[in-house]
């Protein structure tokens, strides 16, 4: 009801472990950050 800005459960856990977090509004248009991380497995 108070419309408080709230992070996802995963973001909260990731930040607690000091992990890099990326939150694209539309991943179809904004995904370069993921490629820059050079993932071997997703």
ModelCIF file with pLDDT and N, C-alpha, C, O atoms, coordinates in Angstrom:
data_MODEL
#
_entry.id   MODEL 
#
_entity.id                         1 
_entity.type                       polymer 
_entity.pdbx_number_of_molecules   1 
#
_entity_poly.entity_id                      1 
_entity_poly.type                           'polypeptide(L)' 
_entity_poly.nstd_linkage                   no 
_entity_poly.nstd_monomer                   no 
_entity_poly.pdbx_seq_one_letter_code       
;(UNK)(UNK)(UNK)(UNK)(UNK)(UNK)(UNK)(UNK)(UNK)(UNK)(UNK)(UNK)(UNK)(UNK)(UNK)(UNK)
(UNK)(UNK)(UNK)(UNK)(UNK)(UNK)(UNK)(UNK)(UNK)(UNK)(UNK)(UNK)(UNK)(UNK)(UNK)(UNK)
(UNK)(UNK)(UNK)(UNK)(UNK)(UNK)(UNK)(UNK)(UNK)(UNK)
;
_entity_poly.pdbx_seq_one_letter_code_can   XXXXXXXXXXXXXXXXXXXXXXXXXXXXXXXXXXXXXXXXXX 
_entity_poly.pdbx_strand_id                 A 
#
loop_
_entity_poly_seq.entity_id 
_entity_poly_seq.num 
_entity_poly_seq.mon_id 
_entity_poly_seq.hetero 
1 1  UNK n 
1 2  UNK n 
1 3  UNK n 
1 4  UNK n 
1 5  UNK n 
1 6  UNK n 
1 7  UNK n 
1 8  UNK n 
1 9  UNK n 
1 10 UNK n 
1 11 UNK n 
1 12 UNK n 
1 13 UNK n 
1 14 UNK n 
1 15 UNK n 
1 16 UNK n 
1 17 UNK n 
1 18 UNK n 
1 19 UNK n 
1 20 UNK n 
1 21 UNK n 
1 22 UNK n 
1 23 UNK n 
1 24 UNK n 
1 25 UNK n 
1 26 UNK n 
1 27 UNK n 
1 28 UNK n 
1 29 UNK n 
1 30 UNK n 
1 31 UNK n 
1 32 UNK n 
1 33 UNK n 
1 34 UNK n 
1 35 UNK n 
1 36 UNK n 
1 37 UNK n 
1 38 UNK n 
1 39 UNK n 
1 40 UNK n 
1 41 UNK n 
1 42 UNK n 
#
_struct_asym.id          A 
_struct_asym.entity_id   1 
#
loop_
_ma_qa_metric.id 
_ma_qa_metric.mode 
_ma_qa_metric.name 
_ma_qa_metric.software_group_id 
_ma_qa_metric.type 
1 global pLDDT . pLDDT 
2 local  pLDDT . pLDDT 
#
_ma_qa_metric_global.metric_id      1 
_ma_qa_metric_global.metric_value   93.38 
_ma_qa_metric_global.model_id       1 
_ma_qa_metric_global.ordinal_id     1 
#
loop_
_ma_qa_metric_local.label_asym_id 
_ma_qa_metric_local.label_comp_id 
_ma_qa_metric_local.label_seq_id 
_ma_qa_metric_local.metric_id 
_ma_qa_metric_local.metric_value 
_ma_qa_metric_local.model_id 
_ma_qa_metric_local.ordinal_id 
A UNK 1  2 72.00 1 1  
A UNK 2  2 76.00 1 2  
A UNK 3  2 78.00 1 3  
A UNK 4  2 80.00 1 4  
A UNK 5  2 85.00 1 5  
A UNK 6  2 89.00 1 6  
A UNK 7  2 92.00 1 7  
A UNK 8  2 93.00 1 8  
A UNK 9  2 93.00 1 9  
A UNK 10 2 96.00 1 10 
A UNK 11 2 95.00 1 11 
A UNK 12 2 96.00 1 12 
A UNK 13 2 96.00 1 13 
A UNK 14 2 96.00 1 14 
A UNK 15 2 95.00 1 15 
A UNK 16 2 96.00 1 16 
A UNK 17 2 96.00 1 17 
A UNK 18 2 97.00 1 18 
A UNK 19 2 97.00 1 19 
A UNK 20 2 96.00 1 20 
A UNK 21 2 96.00 1 21 
A UNK 22 2 96.00 1 22 
A UNK 23 2 95.00 1 23 
A UNK 24 2 96.00 1 24 
A UNK 25 2 94.00 1 25 
A UNK 26 2 95.00 1 26 
A UNK 27 2 95.00 1 27 
A UNK 28 2 93.00 1 28 
A UNK 29 2 93.00 1 29 
A UNK 30 2 94.00 1 30 
A UNK 31 2 95.00 1 31 
A UNK 32 2 96.00 1 32 
A UNK 33 2 97.00 1 33 
A UNK 34 2 97.00 1 34 
A UNK 35 2 97.00 1 35 
A UNK 36 2 97.00 1 36 
A UNK 37 2 97.00 1 37 
A UNK 38 2 97.00 1 38 
A UNK 39 2 97.00 1 39 
A UNK 40 2 97.00 1 40 
A UNK 41 2 97.00 1 41 
A UNK 42 2 97.00 1 42 
#
loop_
_atom_site.group_PDB 
_atom_site.id 
_atom_site.type_symbol 
_atom_site.label_atom_id 
_atom_site.label_alt_id 
_atom_site.label_comp_id 
_atom_site.label_asym_id 
_atom_site.label_entity_id 
_atom_site.label_seq_id 
_atom_site.pdbx_PDB_ins_code 
_atom_site.Cartn_x 
_atom_site.Cartn_y 
_atom_site.Cartn_z 
_atom_site.occupancy 
_atom_site.B_iso_or_equiv 
_atom_site.pdbx_formal_charge 
_atom_site.auth_seq_id 
_atom_site.auth_comp_id 
_atom_site.auth_asym_id 
_atom_site.auth_atom_id 
_atom_site.pdbx_PDB_model_num 
ATOM 1   N N  . UNK A 1 1  ? 0.816  -1.217  0.000   1.00 72.00 ? 1  UNK A N  1 
ATOM 2   C CA . UNK A 1 1  ? 0.000  0.000   0.000   1.00 72.00 ? 1  UNK A CA 1 
ATOM 3   C C  . UNK A 1 1  ? 0.848  1.264   0.000   1.00 72.00 ? 1  UNK A C  1 
ATOM 4   O O  . UNK A 1 1  ? 0.475  2.283   -0.581  1.00 72.00 ? 1  UNK A O  1 
ATOM 5   N N  . UNK A 1 2  ? 1.989  1.177   0.659   1.00 76.00 ? 2  UNK A N  1 
ATOM 6   C CA . UNK A 1 2  ? 2.864  2.351   0.725   1.00 76.00 ? 2  UNK A CA 1 
ATOM 7   C C  . UNK A 1 2  ? 3.772  2.473   -0.492  1.00 76.00 ? 2  UNK A C  1 
ATOM 8   O O  . UNK A 1 2  ? 4.541  3.426   -0.619  1.00 76.00 ? 2  UNK A O  1 
ATOM 9   N N  . UNK A 1 3  ? 3.668  1.469   -1.405  1.00 78.00 ? 3  UNK A N  1 
ATOM 10  C CA . UNK A 1 3  ? 4.455  1.497   -2.645  1.00 78.00 ? 3  UNK A CA 1 
ATOM 11  C C  . UNK A 1 3  ? 5.949  1.687   -2.383  1.00 78.00 ? 3  UNK A C  1 
ATOM 12  O O  . UNK A 1 3  ? 6.619  2.480   -3.044  1.00 78.00 ? 3  UNK A O  1 
ATOM 13  N N  . UNK A 1 4  ? 6.444  0.944   -1.411  1.00 80.00 ? 4  UNK A N  1 
ATOM 14  C CA . UNK A 1 4  ? 7.870  1.027   -1.076  1.00 80.00 ? 4  UNK A CA 1 
ATOM 15  C C  . UNK A 1 4  ? 8.699  0.335   -2.153  1.00 80.00 ? 4  UNK A C  1 
ATOM 16  O O  . UNK A 1 4  ? 8.364  -0.765  -2.592  1.00 80.00 ? 4  UNK A O  1 
ATOM 17  N N  . UNK A 1 5  ? 9.784  0.986   -2.578  1.00 85.00 ? 5  UNK A N  1 
ATOM 18  C CA . UNK A 1 5  ? 10.672 0.393   -3.571  1.00 85.00 ? 5  UNK A CA 1 
ATOM 19  C C  . UNK A 1 5  ? 11.361 -0.821  -2.944  1.00 85.00 ? 5  UNK A C  1 
ATOM 20  O O  . UNK A 1 5  ? 12.035 -0.703  -1.921  1.00 85.00 ? 5  UNK A O  1 
ATOM 21  N N  . UNK A 1 6  ? 11.183 -1.988  -3.569  1.00 89.00 ? 6  UNK A N  1 
ATOM 22  C CA . UNK A 1 6  ? 11.660 -3.246  -2.994  1.00 89.00 ? 6  UNK A CA 1 
ATOM 23  C C  . UNK A 1 6  ? 12.499 -4.016  -4.008  1.00 89.00 ? 6  UNK A C  1 
ATOM 24  O O  . UNK A 1 6  ? 12.123 -4.146  -5.172  1.00 89.00 ? 6  UNK A O  1 
ATOM 25  N N  . UNK A 1 7  ? 13.638 -4.522  -3.548  1.00 92.00 ? 7  UNK A N  1 
ATOM 26  C CA . UNK A 1 7  ? 14.504 -5.348  -4.391  1.00 92.00 ? 7  UNK A CA 1 
ATOM 27  C C  . UNK A 1 7  ? 14.015 -6.791  -4.364  1.00 92.00 ? 7  UNK A C  1 
ATOM 28  O O  . UNK A 1 7  ? 13.368 -7.219  -3.408  1.00 92.00 ? 7  UNK A O  1 
ATOM 29  N N  . UNK A 1 8  ? 14.328 -7.534  -5.419  1.00 93.00 ? 8  UNK A N  1 
ATOM 30  C CA . UNK A 1 8  ? 13.971 -8.950  -5.458  1.00 93.00 ? 8  UNK A CA 1 
ATOM 31  C C  . UNK A 1 8  ? 14.742 -9.716  -4.396  1.00 93.00 ? 8  UNK A C  1 
ATOM 32  O O  . UNK A 1 8  ? 15.774 -9.259  -3.904  1.00 93.00 ? 8  UNK A O  1 
ATOM 33  N N  . UNK A 1 9  ? 14.225 -10.889 -4.052  1.00 93.00 ? 9  UNK A N  1 
ATOM 34  C CA . UNK A 1 9  ? 14.904 -11.746 -3.071  1.00 93.00 ? 9  UNK A CA 1 
ATOM 35  C C  . UNK A 1 9  ? 16.308 -12.101 -3.549  1.00 93.00 ? 9  UNK A C  1 
ATOM 36  O O  . UNK A 1 9  ? 17.246 -12.154 -2.753  1.00 93.00 ? 9  UNK A O  1 
ATOM 37  N N  . UNK A 1 10 ? 16.447 -12.344 -4.851  1.00 96.00 ? 10 UNK A N  1 
ATOM 38  C CA . UNK A 1 10 ? 17.755 -12.702 -5.402  1.00 96.00 ? 10 UNK A CA 1 
ATOM 39  C C  . UNK A 1 10 ? 18.735 -11.543 -5.310  1.00 96.00 ? 10 UNK A C  1 
ATOM 40  O O  . UNK A 1 10 ? 19.909 -11.747 -5.001  1.00 96.00 ? 10 UNK A O  1 
ATOM 41  N N  . UNK A 1 11 ? 18.267 -10.329 -5.573  1.00 95.00 ? 11 UNK A N  1 
ATOM 42  C CA . UNK A 1 11 ? 19.162 -9.171  -5.467  1.00 95.00 ? 11 UNK A CA 1 
ATOM 43  C C  . UNK A 1 11 ? 19.659 -9.007  -4.030  1.00 95.00 ? 11 UNK A C  1 
ATOM 44  O O  . UNK A 1 11 ? 20.835 -8.731  -3.794  1.00 95.00 ? 11 UNK A O  1 
ATOM 45  N N  . UNK A 1 12 ? 18.751 -9.181  -3.088  1.00 96.00 ? 12 UNK A N  1 
ATOM 46  C CA . UNK A 1 12 ? 19.137 -9.032  -1.685  1.00 96.00 ? 12 UNK A CA 1 
ATOM 47  C C  . UNK A 1 12 ? 20.195 -10.058 -1.297  1.00 96.00 ? 12 UNK A C  1 
ATOM 48  O O  . UNK A 1 12 ? 21.143 -9.731  -0.584  1.00 96.00 ? 12 UNK A O  1 
ATOM 49  N N  . UNK A 1 13 ? 20.039 -11.289 -1.760  1.00 96.00 ? 13 UNK A N  1 
ATOM 50  C CA . UNK A 1 13 ? 21.034 -12.314 -1.463  1.00 96.00 ? 13 UNK A CA 1 
ATOM 51  C C  . UNK A 1 13 ? 22.355 -12.003 -2.154  1.00 96.00 ? 13 UNK A C  1 
ATOM 52  O O  . UNK A 1 13 ? 23.422 -12.137 -1.554  1.00 96.00 ? 13 UNK A O  1 
ATOM 53  N N  . UNK A 1 14 ? 22.283 -11.588 -3.413  1.00 96.00 ? 14 UNK A N  1 
ATOM 54  C CA . UNK A 1 14 ? 23.497 -11.293 -4.169  1.00 96.00 ? 14 UNK A CA 1 
ATOM 55  C C  . UNK A 1 14 ? 24.296 -10.174 -3.514  1.00 96.00 ? 14 UNK A C  1 
ATOM 56  O O  . UNK A 1 14 ? 25.521 -10.252 -3.417  1.00 96.00 ? 14 UNK A O  1 
ATOM 57  N N  . UNK A 1 15 ? 23.609 -9.147  -3.071  1.00 95.00 ? 15 UNK A N  1 
ATOM 58  C CA . UNK A 1 15 ? 24.299 -8.028  -2.429  1.00 95.00 ? 15 UNK A CA 1 
ATOM 59  C C  . UNK A 1 15 ? 24.897 -8.447  -1.089  1.00 95.00 ? 15 UNK A C  1 
ATOM 60  O O  . UNK A 1 15 ? 25.957 -7.961  -0.695  1.00 95.00 ? 15 UNK A O  1 
ATOM 61  N N  . UNK A 1 16 ? 24.208 -9.356  -0.391  1.00 96.00 ? 16 UNK A N  1 
ATOM 62  C CA . UNK A 1 16 ? 24.739 -9.848  0.885   1.00 96.00 ? 16 UNK A CA 1 
ATOM 63  C C  . UNK A 1 16 ? 26.040 -10.614 0.683   1.00 96.00 ? 16 UNK A C  1 
ATOM 64  O O  . UNK A 1 16 ? 26.871 -10.688 1.588   1.00 96.00 ? 16 UNK A O  1 
ATOM 65  N N  . UNK A 1 17 ? 26.215 -11.185 -0.510  1.00 96.00 ? 17 UNK A N  1 
ATOM 66  C CA . UNK A 1 17 ? 27.439 -11.920 -0.830  1.00 96.00 ? 17 UNK A CA 1 
ATOM 67  C C  . UNK A 1 17 ? 28.400 -11.092 -1.689  1.00 96.00 ? 17 UNK A C  1 
ATOM 68  O O  . UNK A 1 17 ? 29.392 -11.609 -2.203  1.00 96.00 ? 17 UNK A O  1 
ATOM 69  N N  . UNK A 1 18 ? 28.093 -9.807  -1.835  1.00 97.00 ? 18 UNK A N  1 
ATOM 70  C CA . UNK A 1 18 ? 28.959 -8.866  -2.566  1.00 97.00 ? 18 UNK A CA 1 
ATOM 71  C C  . UNK A 1 18 ? 29.180 -9.298  -4.010  1.00 97.00 ? 18 UNK A C  1 
ATOM 72  O O  . UNK A 1 18 ? 30.292 -9.216  -4.534  1.00 97.00 ? 18 UNK A O  1 
ATOM 73  N N  . UNK A 1 19 ? 28.100 -9.761  -4.649  1.00 97.00 ? 19 UNK A N  1 
ATOM 74  C CA . UNK A 1 19 ? 28.166 -10.174 -6.045  1.00 97.00 ? 19 UNK A CA 1 
ATOM 75  C C  . UNK A 1 19 ? 27.721 -9.033  -6.957  1.00 97.00 ? 19 UNK A C  1 
ATOM 76  O O  . UNK A 1 19 ? 26.929 -8.181  -6.557  1.00 97.00 ? 19 UNK A O  1 
ATOM 77  N N  . UNK A 1 20 ? 28.234 -9.024  -8.178  1.00 96.00 ? 20 UNK A N  1 
ATOM 78  C CA . UNK A 1 20 ? 27.790 -8.054  -9.171  1.00 96.00 ? 20 UNK A CA 1 
ATOM 79  C C  . UNK A 1 20 ? 26.326 -8.311  -9.517  1.00 96.00 ? 20 UNK A C  1 
ATOM 80  O O  . UNK A 1 20 ? 25.921 -9.458  -9.703  1.00 96.00 ? 20 UNK A O  1 
ATOM 81  N N  . UNK A 1 21 ? 25.534 -7.242  -9.601  1.00 96.00 ? 21 UNK A N  1 
ATOM 82  C CA . UNK A 1 21 ? 24.107 -7.365  -9.897  1.00 96.00 ? 21 UNK A CA 1 
ATOM 83  C C  . UNK A 1 21 ? 23.752 -6.513  -11.105 1.00 96.00 ? 21 UNK A C  1 
ATOM 84  O O  . UNK A 1 21 ? 24.181 -5.364  -11.214 1.00 96.00 ? 21 UNK A O  1 
ATOM 85  N N  . UNK A 1 22 ? 22.971 -7.081  -12.008 1.00 96.00 ? 22 UNK A N  1 
ATOM 86  C CA . UNK A 1 22 ? 22.507 -6.392  -13.213 1.00 96.00 ? 22 UNK A CA 1 
ATOM 87  C C  . UNK A 1 22 ? 20.997 -6.536  -13.293 1.00 96.00 ? 22 UNK A C  1 
ATOM 88  O O  . UNK A 1 22 ? 20.477 -7.645  -13.168 1.00 96.00 ? 22 UNK A O  1 
ATOM 89  N N  . UNK A 1 23 ? 20.272 -5.421  -13.501 1.00 95.00 ? 23 UNK A N  1 
ATOM 90  C CA . UNK A 1 23 ? 18.814 -5.418  -13.504 1.00 95.00 ? 23 UNK A CA 1 
ATOM 91  C C  . UNK A 1 23 ? 18.258 -4.718  -14.747 1.00 95.00 ? 23 UNK A C  1 
ATOM 92  O O  . UNK A 1 23 ? 17.730 -3.610  -14.643 1.00 95.00 ? 23 UNK A O  1 
ATOM 93  N N  . UNK A 1 24 ? 18.368 -5.338  -15.901 1.00 96.00 ? 24 UNK A N  1 
ATOM 94  C CA . UNK A 1 24 ? 17.854 -4.686  -17.111 1.00 96.00 ? 24 UNK A CA 1 
ATOM 95  C C  . UNK A 1 24 ? 16.330 -4.612  -17.110 1.00 96.00 ? 24 UNK A C  1 
ATOM 96  O O  . UNK A 1 24 ? 15.649 -5.557  -16.712 1.00 96.00 ? 24 UNK A O  1 
ATOM 97  N N  . UNK A 1 25 ? 15.813 -3.483  -17.556 1.00 94.00 ? 25 UNK A N  1 
ATOM 98  C CA . UNK A 1 25 ? 14.361 -3.346  -17.692 1.00 94.00 ? 25 UNK A CA 1 
ATOM 99  C C  . UNK A 1 25 ? 13.864 -4.269  -18.795 1.00 94.00 ? 25 UNK A C  1 
ATOM 100 O O  . UNK A 1 25 ? 12.834 -4.929  -18.653 1.00 94.00 ? 25 UNK A O  1 
ATOM 101 N N  . UNK A 1 26 ? 14.612 -4.307  -19.901 1.00 95.00 ? 26 UNK A N  1 
ATOM 102 C CA . UNK A 1 26 ? 14.311 -5.217  -21.001 1.00 95.00 ? 26 UNK A CA 1 
ATOM 103 C C  . UNK A 1 26 ? 15.604 -5.888  -21.434 1.00 95.00 ? 26 UNK A C  1 
ATOM 104 O O  . UNK A 1 26 ? 16.461 -5.263  -22.060 1.00 95.00 ? 26 UNK A O  1 
ATOM 105 N N  . UNK A 1 27 ? 15.738 -7.164  -21.097 1.00 95.00 ? 27 UNK A N  1 
ATOM 106 C CA . UNK A 1 27 ? 16.994 -7.865  -21.410 1.00 95.00 ? 27 UNK A CA 1 
ATOM 107 C C  . UNK A 1 27 ? 17.158 -8.077  -22.915 1.00 95.00 ? 27 UNK A C  1 
ATOM 108 O O  . UNK A 1 27 ? 18.274 -8.275  -23.397 1.00 95.00 ? 27 UNK A O  1 
ATOM 109 N N  . UNK A 1 28 ? 16.052 -8.036  -23.655 1.00 93.00 ? 28 UNK A N  1 
ATOM 110 C CA . UNK A 1 28 ? 16.151 -8.158  -25.111 1.00 93.00 ? 28 UNK A CA 1 
ATOM 111 C C  . UNK A 1 28 ? 16.957 -7.008  -25.706 1.00 93.00 ? 28 UNK A C  1 
ATOM 112 O O  . UNK A 1 28 ? 17.640 -7.177  -26.716 1.00 93.00 ? 28 UNK A O  1 
ATOM 113 N N  . UNK A 1 29 ? 16.875 -5.838  -25.073 1.00 93.00 ? 29 UNK A N  1 
ATOM 114 C CA . UNK A 1 29 ? 17.534 -4.645  -25.594 1.00 93.00 ? 29 UNK A CA 1 
ATOM 115 C C  . UNK A 1 29 ? 18.807 -4.296  -24.827 1.00 93.00 ? 29 UNK A C  1 
ATOM 116 O O  . UNK A 1 29 ? 19.610 -3.489  -25.294 1.00 93.00 ? 29 UNK A O  1 
ATOM 117 N N  . UNK A 1 30 ? 18.991 -4.890  -23.671 1.00 94.00 ? 30 UNK A N  1 
ATOM 118 C CA . UNK A 1 30 ? 20.101 -4.485  -22.794 1.00 94.00 ? 30 UNK A CA 1 
ATOM 119 C C  . UNK A 1 30 ? 20.718 -5.723  -22.145 1.00 94.00 ? 30 UNK A C  1 
ATOM 120 O O  . UNK A 1 30 ? 20.309 -6.144  -21.064 1.00 94.00 ? 30 UNK A O  1 
ATOM 121 N N  . UNK A 1 31 ? 21.720 -6.303  -22.834 1.00 95.00 ? 31 UNK A N  1 
ATOM 122 C CA . UNK A 1 31 ? 22.334 -7.519  -22.298 1.00 95.00 ? 31 UNK A CA 1 
ATOM 123 C C  . UNK A 1 31 ? 23.855 -7.532  -22.396 1.00 95.00 ? 31 UNK A C  1 
ATOM 124 O O  . UNK A 1 31 ? 24.481 -8.539  -22.067 1.00 95.00 ? 31 UNK A O  1 
ATOM 125 N N  . UNK A 1 32 ? 24.461 -6.433  -22.841 1.00 96.00 ? 32 UNK A N  1 
ATOM 126 C CA . UNK A 1 32 ? 25.898 -6.429  -23.059 1.00 96.00 ? 32 UNK A CA 1 
ATOM 127 C C  . UNK A 1 32 ? 26.671 -6.692  -21.762 1.00 96.00 ? 32 UNK A C  1 
ATOM 128 O O  . UNK A 1 32 ? 27.736 -7.308  -21.786 1.00 96.00 ? 32 UNK A O  1 
ATOM 129 N N  . UNK A 1 33 ? 26.136 -6.225  -20.639 1.00 97.00 ? 33 UNK A N  1 
ATOM 130 C CA . UNK A 1 33 ? 26.810 -6.443  -19.356 1.00 97.00 ? 33 UNK A CA 1 
ATOM 131 C C  . UNK A 1 33 ? 27.030 -7.933  -19.100 1.00 97.00 ? 33 UNK A C  1 
ATOM 132 O O  . UNK A 1 33 ? 28.070 -8.325  -18.570 1.00 97.00 ? 33 UNK A O  1 
ATOM 133 N N  . UNK A 1 34 ? 26.058 -8.759  -19.473 1.00 97.00 ? 34 UNK A N  1 
ATOM 134 C CA . UNK A 1 34 ? 26.188 -10.207 -19.267 1.00 97.00 ? 34 UNK A CA 1 
ATOM 135 C C  . UNK A 1 34 ? 27.331 -10.766 -20.106 1.00 97.00 ? 34 UNK A C  1 
ATOM 136 O O  . UNK A 1 34 ? 28.123 -11.573 -19.619 1.00 97.00 ? 34 UNK A O  1 
ATOM 137 N N  . UNK A 1 35 ? 27.418 -10.349 -21.348 1.00 97.00 ? 35 UNK A N  1 
ATOM 138 C CA . UNK A 1 35 ? 28.501 -10.816 -22.217 1.00 97.00 ? 35 UNK A CA 1 
ATOM 139 C C  . UNK A 1 35 ? 29.858 -10.318 -21.721 1.00 97.00 ? 35 UNK A C  1 
ATOM 140 O O  . UNK A 1 35 ? 30.871 -11.005 -21.852 1.00 97.00 ? 35 UNK A O  1 
ATOM 141 N N  . UNK A 1 36 ? 29.860 -9.120  -21.153 1.00 97.00 ? 36 UNK A N  1 
ATOM 142 C CA . UNK A 1 36 ? 31.113 -8.577  -20.611 1.00 97.00 ? 36 UNK A CA 1 
ATOM 143 C C  . UNK A 1 36 ? 31.620 -9.404  -19.434 1.00 97.00 ? 36 UNK A C  1 
ATOM 144 O O  . UNK A 1 36 ? 32.821 -9.420  -19.161 1.00 97.00 ? 36 UNK A O  1 
ATOM 145 N N  . UNK A 1 37 ? 30.728 -10.084 -18.743 1.00 97.00 ? 37 UNK A N  1 
ATOM 146 C CA . UNK A 1 37 ? 31.149 -10.968 -17.643 1.00 97.00 ? 37 UNK A CA 1 
ATOM 147 C C  . UNK A 1 37 ? 31.769 -12.261 -18.174 1.00 97.00 ? 37 UNK A C  1 
ATOM 148 O O  . UNK A 1 37 ? 32.343 -13.032 -17.404 1.00 97.00 ? 37 UNK A O  1 
ATOM 149 N N  . UNK A 1 38 ? 31.660 -12.500 -19.459 1.00 97.00 ? 38 UNK A N  1 
ATOM 150 C CA . UNK A 1 38 ? 32.242 -13.671 -20.123 1.00 97.00 ? 38 UNK A CA 1 
ATOM 151 C C  . UNK A 1 38 ? 31.838 -14.993 -19.442 1.00 97.00 ? 38 UNK A C  1 
ATOM 152 O O  . UNK A 1 38 ? 32.690 -15.741 -18.964 1.00 97.00 ? 38 UNK A O  1 
ATOM 153 N N  . UNK A 1 39 ? 30.537 -15.260 -19.407 1.00 97.00 ? 39 UNK A N  1 
ATOM 154 C CA . UNK A 1 39 ? 30.077 -16.481 -18.723 1.00 97.00 ? 39 UNK A CA 1 
ATOM 155 C C  . UNK A 1 39 ? 30.481 -17.755 -19.469 1.00 97.00 ? 39 UNK A C  1 
ATOM 156 O O  . UNK A 1 39 ? 30.386 -17.831 -20.694 1.00 97.00 ? 39 UNK A O  1 
ATOM 157 N N  . UNK A 1 40 ? 30.927 -18.740 -18.712 1.00 97.00 ? 40 UNK A N  1 
ATOM 158 C CA . UNK A 1 40 ? 31.154 -20.078 -19.246 1.00 97.00 ? 40 UNK A CA 1 
ATOM 159 C C  . UNK A 1 40 ? 29.910 -20.945 -19.083 1.00 97.00 ? 40 UNK A C  1 
ATOM 160 O O  . UNK A 1 40 ? 29.730 -21.930 -19.799 1.00 97.00 ? 40 UNK A O  1 
ATOM 161 N N  . UNK A 1 41 ? 29.044 -20.565 -18.124 1.00 97.00 ? 41 UNK A N  1 
ATOM 162 C CA . UNK A 1 41 ? 27.790 -21.271 -17.872 1.00 97.00 ? 41 UNK A CA 1 
ATOM 163 C C  . UNK A 1 41 ? 26.781 -20.267 -17.339 1.00 97.00 ? 41 UNK A C  1 
ATOM 164 O O  . UNK A 1 41 ? 27.106 -19.442 -16.486 1.00 97.00 ? 41 UNK A O  1 
ATOM 165 N N  . UNK A 1 42 ? 25.556 -20.340 -17.846 1.00 97.00 ? 42 UNK A N  1 
ATOM 166 C CA . UNK A 1 42 ? 24.462 -19.526 -17.311 1.00 97.00 ? 42 UNK A CA 1 
ATOM 167 C C  . UNK A 1 42 ? 23.445 -20.462 -16.669 1.00 97.00 ? 42 UNK A C  1 
ATOM 168 O O  . UNK A 1 42 ? 22.429 -20.004 -16.146 1.00 97.00 ? 42 UNK A O  1 
#
